[in-house]
Amino acid sequence: MSALMEVVAPVKLRFEALNAALKAAGEATRLRILALLAEAELTVSDLTAILRQSQPRISRHLRLLADAGLVDRFREGSWAFFRLAERDGVAELARGLISQLDPGDTTVVRDRERLAGVRAQRADAAQDYFRRHAGEWDRIRKLHVPDEAVEQAMTAALLDAPIRSLLDLGTGTGRMLELFGAHIERGVGFDLSVDMLALARARLDRHGLRHCTVRQGNIYDLALPNDSFDAVVIHQVLHFLDDGARAILEAARVLRPDGRLLVVDFAPHDLEFLRAEHAHRRLGFTPETIAQWMKSAGLTVCLHRNLTPAADETEKIAVSLWLGRDPRSMRPELRTREVA
């Protein structure tokens, strides 16, 4: 049976665990928090702005939810992120409770509107950054291990099989379309920034890549049909987003059977200035984080590779690659593999 069709029996909870989870969820603010965390990963500051309550109160509610297993907490540098639990029967309970909420309820609608406001502020900050740094984008990439090594690893990961159509999400200057342009029949790049799109179009024109186009679009809501691309690339984009899992889910939606998703981003690091000065939302990703997001999107993780700096470049950031595959019509020889 396909991994996408497999039916998993609900996990049964012990009395104490179920009682604790119900007690934690059975309070108005905490139920609102669960509903919000079902929509996005959020910080205490985000929830304070949305719920209009003090930071100590929000922190206390989050602690109770985390203790009951309804919410996962993870720290990156000086920030702490919260999201709805993803594993075990308590996670199923949390999602089941949220699914029973009327989406048209006044409280739910108001909280989602405020969440949209928080997201809009983040998007504005990122867009402002892109506007101010559009001409510097390629130079900023020099913070990590050399581009040449990263791009060699990317081509090795994707070009072992034919690619007719490729989608580049967060295309920026269009470098990924340039990199793969000679190997594809059609390439499309999406980006929100009109400044970046202008740079990308100039780059494509300069290299004569007429079969590649770029357009403005939302990585969370692509104006594309299901099953429309052989390969999707998300290169150095997820660390700017507040909901990377949602972006990967949308990327998986447009993959054809046996299609592949290549994600490239920073490994975990502690360069806090990238948040304040360069609008980075996340300080890199562990191998497990991206792998879990791919699996949740119905993909099979078939490669993870970590590119570390040279011995004399210890100040640079390591870069990780993940390759996920749509399991429909998967060929036997393309089984999961792990690359050191």
Protein backbone atom coordinates (compact mmCIF):
# COMPACT_ATOMS: atom_id res chain seq x y z
CA MET A 1 0.00 0.00 0.00
CA SER A 2 1.24 3.50 -0.84
CA ALA A 3 2.61 5.57 2.06
CA LEU A 4 0.05 8.19 1.09
CA MET A 5 -2.83 5.71 1.39
CA GLU A 6 -1.77 3.88 4.53
CA VAL A 7 -4.28 4.10 7.34
CA VAL A 8 -2.77 4.31 10.82
CA ALA A 9 -4.85 3.33 13.83
CA PRO A 10 -5.27 6.10 16.42
CA VAL A 11 -2.87 5.90 19.37
CA LYS A 12 -4.59 5.13 22.68
CA LEU A 13 -3.73 7.34 25.67
CA ARG A 14 -3.33 6.37 29.27
CA PHE A 15 -5.87 7.90 31.64
CA GLU A 16 -3.34 10.28 33.23
CA ALA A 17 -2.09 11.58 29.88
CA LEU A 18 -5.57 12.13 28.50
CA ASN A 19 -6.73 13.83 31.70
CA ALA A 20 -3.70 16.17 31.71
CA ALA A 21 -4.15 17.05 28.05
CA LEU A 22 -7.85 17.82 28.46
CA LYS A 23 -7.16 19.96 31.54
CA ALA A 24 -4.49 21.90 29.67
CA ALA A 25 -6.68 22.48 26.63
CA GLY A 26 -9.81 23.19 28.66
CA GLU A 27 -9.19 26.91 29.14
CA ALA A 28 -10.16 29.69 26.74
CA THR A 29 -6.75 31.27 26.15
CA ARG A 30 -4.99 27.93 25.85
CA LEU A 31 -7.54 26.68 23.31
CA ARG A 32 -6.98 29.87 21.31
CA ILE A 33 -3.21 29.26 21.47
CA LEU A 34 -3.68 25.72 20.15
CA ALA A 35 -5.76 27.04 17.26
CA LEU A 36 -3.09 29.61 16.40
CA LEU A 37 -0.24 27.10 16.62
CA ALA A 38 -2.15 24.87 14.22
CA GLU A 39 -1.72 27.70 11.71
CA ALA A 40 1.93 28.67 12.28
CA GLU A 41 5.03 28.39 14.46
CA LEU A 42 4.94 31.36 16.82
CA THR A 43 7.00 32.99 19.56
CA VAL A 44 5.78 34.34 22.89
CA SER A 45 5.99 37.84 21.43
CA ASP A 46 3.83 36.83 18.48
CA LEU A 47 1.18 35.36 20.77
CA THR A 48 1.31 38.39 23.05
CA ALA A 49 0.57 40.66 20.09
CA ILE A 50 -2.27 38.46 18.83
CA LEU A 51 -3.98 37.64 22.12
CA ARG A 52 -3.36 41.04 23.74
CA GLN A 53 -2.20 39.45 27.00
CA SER A 54 0.96 39.92 29.01
CA GLN A 55 4.10 37.95 28.28
CA PRO A 56 4.12 36.20 31.70
CA ARG A 57 0.52 35.00 31.18
CA ILE A 58 1.27 33.71 27.69
CA SER A 59 4.45 32.01 28.90
CA ARG A 60 2.53 30.28 31.69
CA HIS A 61 -0.14 29.01 29.28
CA LEU A 62 2.52 27.71 26.90
CA ARG A 63 4.32 25.93 29.71
CA LEU A 64 1.12 24.12 30.72
CA LEU A 65 0.42 23.11 27.14
CA ALA A 66 3.99 21.91 26.66
CA ASP A 67 3.94 19.94 29.92
CA ALA A 68 0.79 18.16 28.72
CA GLY A 69 2.45 17.30 25.40
CA LEU A 70 0.07 19.38 23.30
CA VAL A 71 2.74 21.86 22.19
CA ASP A 72 6.37 21.43 21.14
CA ARG A 73 8.93 24.04 22.18
CA PHE A 74 12.34 24.49 20.58
CA ARG A 75 14.99 27.13 21.09
CA GLU A 76 17.13 28.82 18.48
CA GLY A 77 19.64 31.25 19.93
CA SER A 78 17.75 33.78 22.05
CA TRP A 79 14.34 32.94 20.53
CA ALA A 80 11.93 30.16 21.46
CA PHE A 81 9.41 28.84 18.94
CA PHE A 82 6.22 26.92 19.67
CA ARG A 83 4.17 24.69 17.43
CA LEU A 84 1.39 22.15 17.77
CA ALA A 85 2.75 18.76 18.80
CA GLU A 86 3.41 16.42 15.88
CA ARG A 87 3.84 13.00 17.46
CA ASP A 88 2.06 10.59 19.78
CA GLY A 89 -1.61 10.30 20.66
CA VAL A 90 -1.62 13.66 22.44
CA ALA A 91 -0.70 15.32 19.14
CA GLU A 92 -3.67 13.59 17.50
CA LEU A 93 -5.85 14.85 20.33
CA ALA A 94 -4.64 18.43 19.85
CA ARG A 95 -5.40 18.37 16.14
CA GLY A 96 -8.72 16.66 16.75
CA LEU A 97 -9.78 19.39 19.17
CA ILE A 98 -8.84 22.15 16.75
CA SER A 99 -10.68 20.43 13.91
CA GLN A 100 -13.90 20.71 15.94
CA LEU A 101 -13.69 24.52 16.09
CA ASP A 102 -16.09 26.43 13.88
CA PRO A 103 -13.84 28.43 11.49
CA GLY A 104 -16.47 31.15 11.42
CA ASP A 105 -16.54 31.62 15.19
CA THR A 106 -15.98 35.23 16.18
CA THR A 107 -13.02 34.49 18.46
CA VAL A 108 -11.34 32.24 15.91
CA VAL A 109 -11.83 34.77 13.11
CA ARG A 110 -10.45 37.64 15.20
CA ASP A 111 -7.37 35.68 16.23
CA ARG A 112 -6.69 34.66 12.65
CA GLU A 113 -7.00 38.27 11.52
CA ARG A 114 -4.42 39.31 14.12
CA LEU A 115 -2.21 36.40 13.09
CA ALA A 116 -2.46 37.65 9.52
CA GLY A 117 -1.30 41.05 10.79
CA VAL A 118 1.74 39.50 12.49
CA ARG A 119 2.56 37.62 9.32
CA ALA A 120 2.14 40.76 7.25
CA GLN A 121 4.62 42.60 9.47
CA ARG A 122 7.14 39.80 8.99
CA ALA A 123 6.57 39.81 5.24
CA ASP A 124 6.99 43.60 5.13
CA ALA A 125 10.28 43.32 7.02
CA ALA A 126 11.54 40.66 4.63
CA GLN A 127 10.37 42.61 1.58
CA ASP A 128 12.05 45.76 2.88
CA TYR A 129 15.25 43.82 3.36
CA PHE A 130 15.08 42.41 -0.16
CA ARG A 131 14.43 45.88 -1.56
CA ARG A 132 17.42 47.34 0.24
CA HIS A 133 19.74 44.44 -0.52
CA ALA A 134 18.58 43.22 -3.93
CA GLY A 135 21.89 44.19 -5.53
CA GLU A 136 23.89 42.55 -2.74
CA TRP A 137 22.06 39.22 -2.63
CA ASP A 138 24.76 37.11 -4.24
CA ARG A 139 27.43 38.71 -2.04
CA ILE A 140 25.49 37.87 1.14
CA ARG A 141 25.62 34.22 0.16
CA LYS A 142 29.36 34.33 0.80
CA LEU A 143 28.57 33.91 4.50
CA HIS A 144 28.31 30.16 4.02
CA VAL A 145 30.52 27.50 2.48
CA PRO A 146 31.52 28.32 -1.12
CA ASP A 147 28.73 28.52 -3.67
CA GLU A 148 30.69 26.24 -5.99
CA ALA A 149 30.62 23.36 -3.50
CA VAL A 150 26.92 23.86 -2.78
CA GLU A 151 25.99 24.00 -6.45
CA GLN A 152 28.04 20.91 -7.28
CA ALA A 153 26.19 19.03 -4.56
CA MET A 154 22.85 20.29 -5.88
CA THR A 155 23.51 19.22 -9.45
CA ALA A 156 24.77 15.83 -8.25
CA ALA A 157 21.54 15.39 -6.27
CA LEU A 158 19.14 16.32 -9.08
CA LEU A 159 20.82 15.59 -12.40
CA ASP A 160 21.04 11.80 -11.96
CA ALA A 161 17.66 11.65 -13.71
CA PRO A 162 16.06 13.73 -16.50
CA ILE A 163 14.21 16.91 -15.54
CA ARG A 164 11.74 18.32 -18.04
CA SER A 165 10.27 21.04 -15.79
CA LEU A 166 11.78 22.72 -12.74
CA LEU A 167 10.24 25.15 -10.24
CA ASP A 168 12.46 27.45 -8.17
CA LEU A 169 10.70 28.85 -5.10
CA GLY A 170 12.12 32.11 -3.76
CA THR A 171 14.12 32.44 -6.96
CA GLY A 172 15.88 35.66 -5.89
CA THR A 173 18.37 36.60 -8.59
CA GLY A 174 17.43 33.56 -10.69
CA ARG A 175 20.71 31.78 -10.07
CA MET A 176 19.08 28.34 -9.70
CA LEU A 177 17.34 28.67 -13.06
CA GLU A 178 20.69 29.61 -14.56
CA LEU A 179 22.38 26.63 -12.86
CA PHE A 180 19.89 24.06 -14.16
CA GLY A 181 18.81 25.89 -17.30
CA ALA A 182 20.84 23.81 -19.76
CA HIS A 183 19.36 20.57 -18.36
CA ILE A 184 15.62 21.36 -18.42
CA GLU A 185 12.93 22.04 -20.98
CA ARG A 186 11.05 24.55 -18.84
CA GLY A 187 11.93 26.51 -15.72
CA VAL A 188 9.75 28.76 -13.58
CA GLY A 189 10.86 30.92 -10.66
CA PHE A 190 8.56 32.43 -8.04
CA ASP A 191 9.41 35.35 -5.75
CA LEU A 192 7.46 38.02 -3.86
CA SER A 193 10.04 40.75 -4.40
CA VAL A 194 9.66 42.75 -7.59
CA ASP A 195 13.24 43.97 -7.17
CA MET A 196 14.50 40.39 -7.12
CA LEU A 197 12.34 39.48 -10.11
CA ALA A 198 13.86 42.38 -12.06
CA LEU A 199 17.35 41.04 -11.31
CA ALA A 200 16.31 37.50 -12.22
CA ARG A 201 14.81 38.55 -15.55
CA ALA A 202 17.98 40.44 -16.41
CA ARG A 203 20.06 37.38 -15.55
CA LEU A 204 17.92 35.04 -17.65
CA ASP A 205 18.08 37.44 -20.59
CA ARG A 206 21.83 37.76 -20.22
CA HIS A 207 22.27 33.98 -20.45
CA GLY A 208 19.71 33.45 -23.19
CA LEU A 209 17.47 31.22 -21.05
CA ARG A 210 14.26 31.88 -22.93
CA HIS A 211 12.67 28.67 -21.69
CA CYS A 212 12.87 29.99 -18.12
CA THR A 213 10.48 32.56 -16.69
CA VAL A 214 9.92 34.24 -13.34
CA ARG A 215 6.76 35.54 -11.78
CA GLN A 216 5.53 37.10 -8.57
CA GLY A 217 3.81 34.68 -6.24
CA ASN A 218 3.29 33.45 -2.71
CA ILE A 219 5.34 30.40 -1.72
CA TYR A 220 2.47 29.30 0.54
CA ASP A 221 -0.19 29.54 -2.18
CA LEU A 222 1.18 28.88 -5.65
CA ALA A 223 -1.03 29.63 -8.64
CA LEU A 224 -0.11 26.25 -10.11
CA PRO A 225 -2.00 22.98 -10.64
CA ASN A 226 -1.21 19.77 -8.81
CA ASP A 227 1.37 17.41 -10.32
CA SER A 228 2.94 20.04 -12.59
CA PHE A 229 6.75 19.85 -12.08
CA ASP A 230 9.39 17.14 -12.15
CA ALA A 231 11.57 18.97 -9.63
CA VAL A 232 11.21 21.81 -7.15
CA VAL A 233 14.12 23.69 -5.57
CA ILE A 234 13.93 25.73 -2.36
CA HIS A 235 17.40 27.24 -2.05
CA GLN A 236 18.30 29.41 0.97
CA VAL A 237 14.68 30.49 1.47
CA LEU A 238 13.23 28.62 4.46
CA HIS A 239 15.23 30.57 7.04
CA PHE A 240 13.26 33.71 6.03
CA LEU A 241 9.86 32.06 6.52
CA ASP A 242 7.68 31.76 9.61
CA ASP A 243 6.17 28.47 8.39
CA GLY A 244 8.66 26.33 6.52
CA ALA A 245 6.52 23.21 6.86
CA ARG A 246 3.70 24.91 4.98
CA ALA A 247 6.07 25.92 2.16
CA ILE A 248 7.29 22.33 1.80
CA LEU A 249 3.70 21.05 1.79
CA GLU A 250 2.84 23.43 -1.05
CA ALA A 251 5.98 22.43 -2.96
CA ALA A 252 5.05 18.76 -2.60
CA ARG A 253 1.58 19.48 -3.99
CA VAL A 254 2.95 20.56 -7.37
CA LEU A 255 5.34 17.61 -7.75
CA ARG A 256 4.51 14.99 -10.35
CA PRO A 257 4.63 11.28 -9.42
CA ASP A 258 8.26 10.40 -8.73
CA GLY A 259 9.04 14.13 -8.66
CA ARG A 260 11.77 15.46 -6.38
CA LEU A 261 12.06 18.35 -3.94
CA LEU A 262 15.55 19.68 -3.18
CA VAL A 263 15.88 21.89 -0.11
CA VAL A 264 19.14 23.74 0.58
CA ASP A 265 19.61 25.85 3.69
CA PHE A 266 21.90 26.63 6.60
CA ALA A 267 22.76 24.03 9.18
CA PRO A 268 22.14 25.25 12.78
CA HIS A 269 24.34 28.22 13.73
CA ASP A 270 24.46 31.03 16.32
CA LEU A 271 24.91 34.16 14.19
CA GLU A 272 22.19 36.24 15.86
CA PHE A 273 23.03 39.34 13.79
CA LEU A 274 21.44 37.65 10.78
CA ARG A 275 18.06 38.08 12.48
CA ALA A 276 18.47 41.72 13.34
CA GLU A 277 20.28 42.84 10.20
CA HIS A 278 19.15 40.41 7.50
CA ALA A 279 15.59 39.35 8.46
CA HIS A 280 16.47 35.71 9.10
CA ARG A 281 13.61 34.03 10.95
CA ARG A 282 15.49 30.81 11.69
CA LEU A 283 19.13 30.19 12.56
CA GLY A 284 19.49 27.10 10.39
CA PHE A 285 17.77 23.73 10.55
CA THR A 286 18.58 20.36 12.04
CA PRO A 287 18.47 17.34 9.71
CA GLU A 288 15.41 16.06 11.57
CA THR A 289 13.38 19.25 11.12
CA ILE A 290 13.38 19.32 7.32
CA ALA A 291 13.09 15.54 7.11
CA GLN A 292 9.98 15.62 9.30
CA TRP A 293 8.44 18.40 7.22
CA MET A 294 9.04 16.39 4.05
CA LYS A 295 7.55 13.24 5.55
CA SER A 296 4.52 15.17 6.76
CA ALA A 297 4.06 16.41 3.18
CA GLY A 298 3.97 12.81 1.94
CA LEU A 299 7.50 12.70 0.56
CA THR A 300 10.18 10.05 1.01
CA VAL A 301 13.46 11.52 2.24
CA CYS A 302 16.11 9.92 0.04
CA LEU A 303 19.15 12.10 0.73
CA HIS A 304 20.62 14.36 3.39
CA ARG A 305 24.06 15.88 3.02
CA ASN A 306 25.94 18.36 5.18
CA LEU A 307 28.59 20.61 3.60
CA THR A 308 30.99 21.86 6.25
CA PRO A 309 33.49 24.76 5.93
CA ALA A 310 37.13 24.08 5.26
CA ALA A 311 39.50 23.96 8.20
CA ASP A 312 40.68 27.52 7.50
CA GLU A 313 37.09 28.86 7.11
CA THR A 314 35.60 28.03 10.49
CA GLU A 315 33.76 31.35 10.62
CA LYS A 316 31.54 30.27 7.72
CA ILE A 317 28.21 28.51 8.10
CA ALA A 318 27.67 24.88 7.10
CA VAL A 319 25.02 24.20 4.47
CA SER A 320 22.67 21.21 4.36
CA LEU A 321 20.85 19.55 1.47
CA TRP A 322 17.73 17.41 1.67
CA LEU A 323 16.18 15.54 -1.25
CA GLY A 324 12.60 14.32 -0.99
CA ARG A 325 10.73 12.24 -3.56
CA ASP A 326 7.06 11.81 -4.32
CA PRO A 327 6.57 8.07 -3.61
CA ARG A 328 3.98 7.54 -6.33
CA SER A 329 5.45 5.23 -9.00
CA MET A 330 8.79 5.17 -7.16
CA ARG A 331 11.28 2.89 -8.89
CA PRO A 332 12.86 0.13 -6.74
CA GLU A 333 16.42 1.29 -7.38
CA LEU A 334 15.69 4.75 -5.90
CA ARG A 335 15.47 3.79 -2.26
CA THR A 336 16.23 5.97 0.74
CA ARG A 337 19.92 6.68 1.19
CA GLU A 338 21.86 8.80 3.64
CA VAL A 339 25.01 10.65 2.58
CA ALA A 340 27.54 11.60 5.23
